[in-house]
Full PDB file with SEQRES, HELIX, SHEET, SSBOND, CRYST1, ORIGX, SCALE, CONECT and MASTER records, all heavy atoms in Angstrom:
SEQRES   1 A   35  CYS PHE ALA GLY LEU ALA ALA PHE PHE GLY GLN ASN HIS          
SEQRES   2 A   35  GLY ALA TYR ILE GLY LEU SER TYR LEU THR VAL MET PHE          
SEQRES   3 A   35  LEU ALA GLY ILE GLY ALA GLU PHE ARG                          
HELIX    1 AA1 PHE A    2  PHE A    9  1                                   8    
HELIX    2 AA2 GLN A   11  GLY A   29  1                                  19    
CRYST1    1.000    1.000    1.000  90.00  90.00  90.00 P 1           1          
ORIGX1      1.000000  0.000000  0.000000        0.00000                         
ORIGX2      0.000000  1.000000  0.000000        0.00000                         
ORIGX3      0.000000  0.000000  1.000000        0.00000                         
SCALE1      1.000000  0.000000  0.000000        0.00000                         
SCALE2      0.000000  1.000000  0.000000        0.00000                         
SCALE3      0.000000  0.000000  1.000000        0.00000                         
ATOM      1  N   CYS A   1       3.142  -7.878  -1.093  1.00  0.00           N  
ATOM      2  CA  CYS A   1       3.896  -8.924  -0.379  1.00  0.00           C  
ATOM      3  C   CYS A   1       4.775  -8.259   0.674  1.00  0.00           C  
ATOM      4  O   CYS A   1       4.866  -8.758   1.801  1.00  0.00           O  
ATOM      5  CB  CYS A   1       4.774  -9.710  -1.330  1.00  0.00           C  
ATOM      6  SG  CYS A   1       3.818 -10.884  -2.379  1.00  0.00           S  
ATOM      7  N   PHE A   2       5.438  -7.165   0.311  1.00  0.00           N  
ATOM      8  CA  PHE A   2       6.292  -6.483   1.279  1.00  0.00           C  
ATOM      9  C   PHE A   2       5.469  -5.916   2.431  1.00  0.00           C  
ATOM     10  O   PHE A   2       5.910  -6.014   3.610  1.00  0.00           O  
ATOM     11  CB  PHE A   2       7.144  -5.356   0.638  1.00  0.00           C  
ATOM     12  CG  PHE A   2       7.859  -4.518   1.561  1.00  0.00           C  
ATOM     13  CD1 PHE A   2       8.978  -5.073   2.224  1.00  0.00           C  
ATOM     14  CD2 PHE A   2       7.479  -3.252   1.870  1.00  0.00           C  
ATOM     15  CE1 PHE A   2       9.707  -4.269   3.109  1.00  0.00           C  
ATOM     16  CE2 PHE A   2       8.219  -2.444   2.755  1.00  0.00           C  
ATOM     17  CZ  PHE A   2       9.353  -3.020   3.362  1.00  0.00           C  
ATOM     18  N   ALA A   3       4.328  -5.329   2.175  1.00  0.00           N  
ATOM     19  CA  ALA A   3       3.469  -4.724   3.211  1.00  0.00           C  
ATOM     20  C   ALA A   3       3.042  -5.848   4.127  1.00  0.00           C  
ATOM     21  O   ALA A   3       3.031  -5.699   5.398  1.00  0.00           O  
ATOM     22  CB  ALA A   3       2.318  -4.014   2.659  1.00  0.00           C  
ATOM     23  N   GLY A   4       2.612  -6.975   3.606  1.00  0.00           N  
ATOM     24  CA  GLY A   4       2.212  -8.098   4.461  1.00  0.00           C  
ATOM     25  C   GLY A   4       3.363  -8.672   5.274  1.00  0.00           C  
ATOM     26  O   GLY A   4       3.212  -9.019   6.451  1.00  0.00           O  
ATOM     27  N   LEU A   5       4.509  -8.781   4.676  1.00  0.00           N  
ATOM     28  CA  LEU A   5       5.676  -9.359   5.393  1.00  0.00           C  
ATOM     29  C   LEU A   5       6.126  -8.361   6.454  1.00  0.00           C  
ATOM     30  O   LEU A   5       6.642  -8.809   7.523  1.00  0.00           O  
ATOM     31  CB  LEU A   5       6.839  -9.651   4.416  1.00  0.00           C  
ATOM     32  CG  LEU A   5       8.037 -10.394   4.937  1.00  0.00           C  
ATOM     33  CD1 LEU A   5       7.639 -11.716   5.523  1.00  0.00           C  
ATOM     34  CD2 LEU A   5       9.119 -10.521   3.896  1.00  0.00           C  
ATOM     35  N   ALA A   6       6.030  -7.061   6.164  1.00  0.00           N  
ATOM     36  CA  ALA A   6       6.396  -6.079   7.159  1.00  0.00           C  
ATOM     37  C   ALA A   6       5.605  -6.262   8.474  1.00  0.00           C  
ATOM     38  O   ALA A   6       6.128  -5.982   9.559  1.00  0.00           O  
ATOM     39  CB  ALA A   6       6.232  -4.662   6.614  1.00  0.00           C  
ATOM     40  N   ALA A   7       4.324  -6.713   8.343  1.00  0.00           N  
ATOM     41  CA  ALA A   7       3.547  -6.930   9.513  1.00  0.00           C  
ATOM     42  C   ALA A   7       4.124  -8.082  10.418  1.00  0.00           C  
ATOM     43  O   ALA A   7       3.803  -8.126  11.608  1.00  0.00           O  
ATOM     44  CB  ALA A   7       2.066  -7.276   9.105  1.00  0.00           C  
ATOM     45  N   PHE A   8       4.925  -8.941   9.800  1.00  0.00           N  
ATOM     46  CA  PHE A   8       5.528 -10.031  10.591  1.00  0.00           C  
ATOM     47  C   PHE A   8       6.620  -9.471  11.506  1.00  0.00           C  
ATOM     48  O   PHE A   8       7.018 -10.063  12.488  1.00  0.00           O  
ATOM     49  CB  PHE A   8       6.160 -11.016   9.612  1.00  0.00           C  
ATOM     50  CG  PHE A   8       6.543 -12.334  10.278  1.00  0.00           C  
ATOM     51  CD1 PHE A   8       5.652 -13.051  11.009  1.00  0.00           C  
ATOM     52  CD2 PHE A   8       7.827 -12.767  10.141  1.00  0.00           C  
ATOM     53  CE1 PHE A   8       6.043 -14.268  11.578  1.00  0.00           C  
ATOM     54  CE2 PHE A   8       8.284 -13.957  10.717  1.00  0.00           C  
ATOM     55  CZ  PHE A   8       7.343 -14.705  11.452  1.00  0.00           C  
ATOM     56  N   PHE A   9       7.112  -8.255  11.200  1.00  0.00           N  
ATOM     57  CA  PHE A   9       8.097  -7.560  12.026  1.00  0.00           C  
ATOM     58  C   PHE A   9       7.435  -6.553  12.933  1.00  0.00           C  
ATOM     59  O   PHE A   9       8.028  -6.117  13.891  1.00  0.00           O  
ATOM     60  CB  PHE A   9       9.169  -6.919  11.182  1.00  0.00           C  
ATOM     61  CG  PHE A   9      10.102  -7.906  10.496  1.00  0.00           C  
ATOM     62  CD1 PHE A   9       9.755  -8.541   9.351  1.00  0.00           C  
ATOM     63  CD2 PHE A   9      11.330  -8.212  11.082  1.00  0.00           C  
ATOM     64  CE1 PHE A   9      10.592  -9.436   8.726  1.00  0.00           C  
ATOM     65  CE2 PHE A   9      12.175  -9.147  10.487  1.00  0.00           C  
ATOM     66  CZ  PHE A   9      11.808  -9.732   9.318  1.00  0.00           C  
ATOM     67  N   GLY A  10       6.270  -6.097  12.586  1.00  0.00           N  
ATOM     68  CA  GLY A  10       5.586  -5.081  13.338  1.00  0.00           C  
ATOM     69  C   GLY A  10       4.213  -4.826  12.650  1.00  0.00           C  
ATOM     70  O   GLY A  10       4.253  -4.332  11.503  1.00  0.00           O  
ATOM     71  N   GLN A  11       3.108  -5.153  13.311  1.00  0.00           N  
ATOM     72  CA  GLN A  11       1.844  -5.025  12.620  1.00  0.00           C  
ATOM     73  C   GLN A  11       1.565  -3.509  12.284  1.00  0.00           C  
ATOM     74  O   GLN A  11       0.867  -3.261  11.312  1.00  0.00           O  
ATOM     75  CB  GLN A  11       0.738  -5.535  13.528  1.00  0.00           C  
ATOM     76  CG  GLN A  11       0.800  -7.038  13.671  1.00  0.00           C  
ATOM     77  CD  GLN A  11      -0.264  -7.606  14.545  1.00  0.00           C  
ATOM     78  OE1 GLN A  11      -1.399  -7.054  14.629  1.00  0.00           O  
ATOM     79  NE2 GLN A  11      -0.031  -8.733  15.211  1.00  0.00           N  
ATOM     80  N   ASN A  12       2.132  -2.526  13.077  1.00  0.00           N  
ATOM     81  CA  ASN A  12       1.979  -1.149  12.715  1.00  0.00           C  
ATOM     82  C   ASN A  12       2.684  -0.874  11.352  1.00  0.00           C  
ATOM     83  O   ASN A  12       2.215  -0.045  10.603  1.00  0.00           O  
ATOM     84  CB  ASN A  12       2.556  -0.315  13.818  1.00  0.00           C  
ATOM     85  CG  ASN A  12       4.024  -0.536  14.034  1.00  0.00           C  
ATOM     86  OD1 ASN A  12       4.481  -1.610  14.000  1.00  0.00           O  
ATOM     87  ND2 ASN A  12       4.760   0.562  14.371  1.00  0.00           N  
ATOM     88  N   HIS A  13       3.840  -1.534  11.092  1.00  0.00           N  
ATOM     89  CA  HIS A  13       4.505  -1.341   9.830  1.00  0.00           C  
ATOM     90  C   HIS A  13       3.606  -1.807   8.697  1.00  0.00           C  
ATOM     91  O   HIS A  13       3.517  -1.155   7.636  1.00  0.00           O  
ATOM     92  CB  HIS A  13       5.846  -2.146   9.799  1.00  0.00           C  
ATOM     93  CG  HIS A  13       6.875  -1.569  10.655  1.00  0.00           C  
ATOM     94  ND1 HIS A  13       7.470  -0.365  10.396  1.00  0.00           N  
ATOM     95  CD2 HIS A  13       7.461  -2.044  11.794  1.00  0.00           C  
ATOM     96  CE1 HIS A  13       8.365  -0.115  11.327  1.00  0.00           C  
ATOM     97  NE2 HIS A  13       8.372  -1.117  12.172  1.00  0.00           N  
ATOM     98  N   GLY A  14       2.954  -2.943   8.808  1.00  0.00           N  
ATOM     99  CA  GLY A  14       2.059  -3.429   7.776  1.00  0.00           C  
ATOM    100  C   GLY A  14       0.955  -2.434   7.509  1.00  0.00           C  
ATOM    101  O   GLY A  14       0.636  -2.173   6.334  1.00  0.00           O  
ATOM    102  N   ALA A  15       0.364  -1.842   8.566  1.00  0.00           N  
ATOM    103  CA  ALA A  15      -0.685  -0.862   8.426  1.00  0.00           C  
ATOM    104  C   ALA A  15      -0.159   0.372   7.743  1.00  0.00           C  
ATOM    105  O   ALA A  15      -0.794   0.892   6.811  1.00  0.00           O  
ATOM    106  CB  ALA A  15      -1.300  -0.556   9.752  1.00  0.00           C  
ATOM    107  N   TYR A  16       0.980   0.895   8.219  1.00  0.00           N  
ATOM    108  CA  TYR A  16       1.514   2.176   7.669  1.00  0.00           C  
ATOM    109  C   TYR A  16       1.886   1.961   6.156  1.00  0.00           C  
ATOM    110  O   TYR A  16       1.516   2.811   5.297  1.00  0.00           O  
ATOM    111  CB  TYR A  16       2.734   2.592   8.409  1.00  0.00           C  
ATOM    112  CG  TYR A  16       2.602   2.941   9.853  1.00  0.00           C  
ATOM    113  CD1 TYR A  16       3.579   2.805  10.770  1.00  0.00           C  
ATOM    114  CD2 TYR A  16       1.329   3.463  10.296  1.00  0.00           C  
ATOM    115  CE1 TYR A  16       3.410   3.173  12.063  1.00  0.00           C  
ATOM    116  CE2 TYR A  16       1.151   3.760  11.630  1.00  0.00           C  
ATOM    117  CZ  TYR A  16       2.218   3.627  12.538  1.00  0.00           C  
ATOM    118  OH  TYR A  16       2.004   3.910  13.839  1.00  0.00           O  
ATOM    119  N   ILE A  17       2.585   0.896   5.868  1.00  0.00           N  
ATOM    120  CA  ILE A  17       3.033   0.671   4.487  1.00  0.00           C  
ATOM    121  C   ILE A  17       1.848   0.338   3.546  1.00  0.00           C  
ATOM    122  O   ILE A  17       1.775   0.826   2.426  1.00  0.00           O  
ATOM    123  CB  ILE A  17       4.081  -0.429   4.442  1.00  0.00           C  
ATOM    124  CG1 ILE A  17       5.320   0.032   5.274  1.00  0.00           C  
ATOM    125  CG2 ILE A  17       4.491  -0.771   3.030  1.00  0.00           C  
ATOM    126  CD1 ILE A  17       6.311  -1.090   5.470  1.00  0.00           C  
ATOM    127  N   GLY A  18       0.888  -0.442   4.066  1.00  0.00           N  
ATOM    128  CA  GLY A  18      -0.308  -0.667   3.239  1.00  0.00           C  
ATOM    129  C   GLY A  18      -1.037   0.561   2.884  1.00  0.00           C  
ATOM    130  O   GLY A  18      -1.412   0.801   1.740  1.00  0.00           O  
ATOM    131  N   LEU A  19      -1.178   1.496   3.873  1.00  0.00           N  
ATOM    132  CA  LEU A  19      -1.835   2.736   3.604  1.00  0.00           C  
ATOM    133  C   LEU A  19      -1.019   3.580   2.589  1.00  0.00           C  
ATOM    134  O   LEU A  19      -1.583   4.223   1.685  1.00  0.00           O  
ATOM    135  CB  LEU A  19      -1.996   3.518   4.883  1.00  0.00           C  
ATOM    136  CG  LEU A  19      -2.689   4.908   4.815  1.00  0.00           C  
ATOM    137  CD1 LEU A  19      -4.080   4.767   4.201  1.00  0.00           C  
ATOM    138  CD2 LEU A  19      -2.722   5.545   6.204  1.00  0.00           C  
ATOM    139  N   SER A  20       0.310   3.566   2.773  1.00  0.00           N  
ATOM    140  CA  SER A  20       1.134   4.323   1.839  1.00  0.00           C  
ATOM    141  C   SER A  20       1.001   3.821   0.418  1.00  0.00           C  
ATOM    142  O   SER A  20       0.932   4.617  -0.518  1.00  0.00           O  
ATOM    143  CB  SER A  20       2.576   4.238   2.292  1.00  0.00           C  
ATOM    144  OG  SER A  20       2.781   4.751   3.582  1.00  0.00           O  
ATOM    145  N   TYR A  21       1.100   2.518   0.244  1.00  0.00           N  
ATOM    146  CA  TYR A  21       1.005   2.002  -1.087  1.00  0.00           C  
ATOM    147  C   TYR A  21      -0.347   2.112  -1.779  1.00  0.00           C  
ATOM    148  O   TYR A  21      -0.458   2.241  -3.005  1.00  0.00           O  
ATOM    149  CB  TYR A  21       1.452   0.502  -1.069  1.00  0.00           C  
ATOM    150  CG  TYR A  21       2.962   0.307  -0.816  1.00  0.00           C  
ATOM    151  CD1 TYR A  21       3.789   1.406  -0.659  1.00  0.00           C  
ATOM    152  CD2 TYR A  21       3.529  -0.962  -0.812  1.00  0.00           C  
ATOM    153  CE1 TYR A  21       5.108   1.264  -0.491  1.00  0.00           C  
ATOM    154  CE2 TYR A  21       4.920  -1.089  -0.645  1.00  0.00           C  
ATOM    155  CZ  TYR A  21       5.658   0.010  -0.439  1.00  0.00           C  
ATOM    156  OH  TYR A  21       7.029  -0.143  -0.249  1.00  0.00           O  
ATOM    157  N   LEU A  22      -1.423   2.122  -0.960  1.00  0.00           N  
ATOM    158  CA  LEU A  22      -2.714   2.465  -1.515  1.00  0.00           C  
ATOM    159  C   LEU A  22      -2.765   3.920  -1.986  1.00  0.00           C  
ATOM    160  O   LEU A  22      -3.482   4.236  -2.962  1.00  0.00           O  
ATOM    161  CB  LEU A  22      -3.799   2.178  -0.444  1.00  0.00           C  
ATOM    162  CG  LEU A  22      -4.095   0.707  -0.146  1.00  0.00           C  
ATOM    163  CD1 LEU A  22      -5.084   0.593   1.032  1.00  0.00           C  
ATOM    164  CD2 LEU A  22      -4.722   0.039  -1.397  1.00  0.00           C  
ATOM    165  N   THR A  23      -2.109   4.774  -1.219  1.00  0.00           N  
ATOM    166  CA  THR A  23      -2.080   6.164  -1.718  1.00  0.00           C  
ATOM    167  C   THR A  23      -1.255   6.309  -3.012  1.00  0.00           C  
ATOM    168  O   THR A  23      -1.716   7.086  -3.911  1.00  0.00           O  
ATOM    169  CB  THR A  23      -1.383   7.049  -0.607  1.00  0.00           C  
ATOM    170  OG1 THR A  23      -2.074   6.923   0.638  1.00  0.00           O  
ATOM    171  CG2 THR A  23      -1.343   8.502  -1.050  1.00  0.00           C  
ATOM    172  N   VAL A  24      -0.200   5.543  -3.126  1.00  0.00           N  
ATOM    173  CA  VAL A  24       0.503   5.497  -4.349  1.00  0.00           C  
ATOM    174  C   VAL A  24      -0.386   5.003  -5.485  1.00  0.00           C  
ATOM    175  O   VAL A  24      -0.356   5.517  -6.638  1.00  0.00           O  
ATOM    176  CB  VAL A  24       1.798   4.602  -4.275  1.00  0.00           C  
ATOM    177  CG1 VAL A  24       2.377   4.337  -5.619  1.00  0.00           C  
ATOM    178  CG2 VAL A  24       2.818   5.211  -3.346  1.00  0.00           C  
ATOM    179  N   MET A  25      -1.138   3.993  -5.232  1.00  0.00           N  
ATOM    180  CA  MET A  25      -2.052   3.442  -6.197  1.00  0.00           C  
ATOM    181  C   MET A  25      -3.098   4.516  -6.656  1.00  0.00           C  
ATOM    182  O   MET A  25      -3.388   4.624  -7.864  1.00  0.00           O  
ATOM    183  CB  MET A  25      -2.793   2.250  -5.653  1.00  0.00           C  
ATOM    184  CG  MET A  25      -3.654   1.497  -6.709  1.00  0.00           C  
ATOM    185  SD  MET A  25      -4.569   0.128  -5.924  1.00  0.00           S  
ATOM    186  CE  MET A  25      -3.221  -0.808  -5.182  1.00  0.00           C  
ATOM    187  N   PHE A  26      -3.588   5.304  -5.688  1.00  0.00           N  
ATOM    188  CA  PHE A  26      -4.530   6.389  -6.061  1.00  0.00           C  
ATOM    189  C   PHE A  26      -3.841   7.407  -6.913  1.00  0.00           C  
ATOM    190  O   PHE A  26      -4.402   7.869  -7.929  1.00  0.00           O  
ATOM    191  CB  PHE A  26      -5.043   6.962  -4.747  1.00  0.00           C  
ATOM    192  CG  PHE A  26      -5.818   8.247  -4.992  1.00  0.00           C  
ATOM    193  CD1 PHE A  26      -7.121   8.230  -5.505  1.00  0.00           C  
ATOM    194  CD2 PHE A  26      -5.185   9.494  -4.665  1.00  0.00           C  
ATOM    195  CE1 PHE A  26      -7.797   9.456  -5.726  1.00  0.00           C  
ATOM    196  CE2 PHE A  26      -5.916  10.660  -4.876  1.00  0.00           C  
ATOM    197  CZ  PHE A  26      -7.169  10.670  -5.474  1.00  0.00           C  
ATOM    198  N   LEU A  27      -2.667   7.876  -6.529  1.00  0.00           N  
ATOM    199  CA  LEU A  27      -2.009   8.913  -7.270  1.00  0.00           C  
ATOM    200  C   LEU A  27      -1.643   8.449  -8.652  1.00  0.00           C  
ATOM    201  O   LEU A  27      -1.775   9.169  -9.667  1.00  0.00           O  
ATOM    202  CB  LEU A  27      -0.717   9.304  -6.562  1.00  0.00           C  
ATOM    203  CG  LEU A  27      -0.901   9.991  -5.204  1.00  0.00           C  
ATOM    204  CD1 LEU A  27       0.441  10.258  -4.540  1.00  0.00           C  
ATOM    205  CD2 LEU A  27      -1.691  11.337  -5.363  1.00  0.00           C  
ATOM    206  N   ALA A  28      -1.101   7.230  -8.778  1.00  0.00           N  
ATOM    207  CA  ALA A  28      -0.730   6.674 -10.083  1.00  0.00           C  
ATOM    208  C   ALA A  28      -1.950   6.329 -10.886  1.00  0.00           C  
ATOM    209  O   ALA A  28      -1.794   6.222 -12.175  1.00  0.00           O  
ATOM    210  CB  ALA A  28       0.167   5.457  -9.898  1.00  0.00           C  
ATOM    211  N   GLY A  29      -3.093   6.227 -10.316  1.00  0.00           N  
ATOM    212  CA  GLY A  29      -4.306   5.863 -11.096  1.00  0.00           C  
ATOM    213  C   GLY A  29      -5.098   7.021 -11.610  1.00  0.00           C  
ATOM    214  O   GLY A  29      -6.108   6.797 -12.302  1.00  0.00           O  
ATOM    215  N   ILE A  30      -4.769   8.231 -11.246  1.00  0.00           N  
ATOM    216  CA  ILE A  30      -5.488   9.397 -11.716  1.00  0.00           C  
ATOM    217  C   ILE A  30      -5.313   9.523 -13.213  1.00  0.00           C  
ATOM    218  O   ILE A  30      -4.181   9.610 -13.757  1.00  0.00           O  
ATOM    219  CB  ILE A  30      -5.024  10.716 -11.057  1.00  0.00           C  
ATOM    220  CG1 ILE A  30      -5.297  10.636  -9.561  1.00  0.00           C  
ATOM    221  CG2 ILE A  30      -5.653  11.904 -11.698  1.00  0.00           C  
ATOM    222  CD1 ILE A  30      -4.835  11.872  -8.807  1.00  0.00           C  
ATOM    223  N   GLY A  31      -6.440   9.454 -13.928  1.00  0.00           N  
ATOM    224  CA  GLY A  31      -6.442   9.521 -15.362  1.00  0.00           C  
ATOM    225  C   GLY A  31      -6.284   8.175 -16.058  1.00  0.00           C  
ATOM    226  O   GLY A  31      -6.436   8.107 -17.303  1.00  0.00           O  
ATOM    227  N   ALA A  32      -5.963   7.101 -15.292  1.00  0.00           N  
ATOM    228  CA  ALA A  32      -5.871   5.782 -15.878  1.00  0.00           C  
ATOM    229  C   ALA A  32      -7.255   5.165 -16.045  1.00  0.00           C  
ATOM    230  O   ALA A  32      -8.226   5.567 -15.430  1.00  0.00           O  
ATOM    231  CB  ALA A  32      -4.936   4.896 -15.028  1.00  0.00           C  
ATOM    232  N   GLU A  33      -7.314   4.081 -16.876  1.00  0.00           N  
ATOM    233  CA  GLU A  33      -8.564   3.330 -16.997  1.00  0.00           C  
ATOM    234  C   GLU A  33      -8.925   2.634 -15.656  1.00  0.00           C  
ATOM    235  O   GLU A  33      -8.076   2.127 -14.978  1.00  0.00           O  
ATOM    236  CB  GLU A  33      -8.409   2.273 -18.130  1.00  0.00           C  
ATOM    237  CG  GLU A  33      -8.233   2.899 -19.484  1.00  0.00           C  
ATOM    238  CD  GLU A  33      -8.192   1.811 -20.568  1.00  0.00           C  
ATOM    239  OE1 GLU A  33      -8.328   0.622 -20.221  1.00  0.00           O  
ATOM    240  OE2 GLU A  33      -8.046   2.186 -21.766  1.00  0.00           O  
ATOM    241  N   PHE A  34     -10.222   2.557 -15.421  1.00  0.00           N  
ATOM    242  CA  PHE A  34     -10.709   1.975 -14.193  1.00  0.00           C  
ATOM    243  C   PHE A  34     -10.270   0.480 -14.154  1.00  0.00           C  
ATOM    244  O   PHE A  34      -9.972  -0.007 -13.053  1.00  0.00           O  
ATOM    245  CB  PHE A  34     -12.222   2.110 -14.077  1.00  0.00           C  
ATOM    246  CG  PHE A  34     -12.851   1.386 -12.890  1.00  0.00           C  
ATOM    247  CD1 PHE A  34     -12.665   1.936 -11.657  1.00  0.00           C  
ATOM    248  CD2 PHE A  34     -13.459   0.195 -13.032  1.00  0.00           C  
ATOM    249  CE1 PHE A  34     -13.195   1.337 -10.557  1.00  0.00           C  
ATOM    250  CE2 PHE A  34     -14.034  -0.430 -11.971  1.00  0.00           C  
ATOM    251  CZ  PHE A  34     -13.885   0.107 -10.691  1.00  0.00           C  
ATOM    252  N   ARG A  35     -10.304  -0.172 -15.293  1.00  0.00           N  
ATOM    253  CA  ARG A  35      -9.954  -1.578 -15.276  1.00  0.00           C  
ATOM    254  C   ARG A  35      -8.497  -1.799 -14.882  1.00  0.00           C  
ATOM    255  O   ARG A  35      -8.200  -2.751 -14.141  1.00  0.00           O  
ATOM    256  CB  ARG A  35     -10.177  -2.173 -16.676  1.00  0.00           C  
ATOM    257  CG  ARG A  35      -9.830  -3.618 -16.867  1.00  0.00           C  
ATOM    258  CD  ARG A  35     -10.003  -4.097 -18.291  1.00  0.00           C  
ATOM    259  NE  ARG A  35     -11.395  -3.932 -18.653  1.00  0.00           N  
ATOM    260  CZ  ARG A  35     -11.882  -4.261 -19.851  1.00  0.00           C  
ATOM    261  NH1 ARG A  35     -11.049  -4.733 -20.788  1.00  0.00           N  
ATOM    262  NH2 ARG A  35     -13.159  -4.104 -20.171  1.00  0.00           N  
TER     263      ARG A  35                                                      
MASTER        0    0    0    2    0    0    0    6  262    1    0    3          
END                                                                             
């Protein structure tokens, strides 16, 4: 929600933050169940 709302203030912010949070998801998902 925050990444999408950030795009309302600057679409580059939405892209940067979306990419950052996907990276967080990858790091936090190492060793976790695929589901």
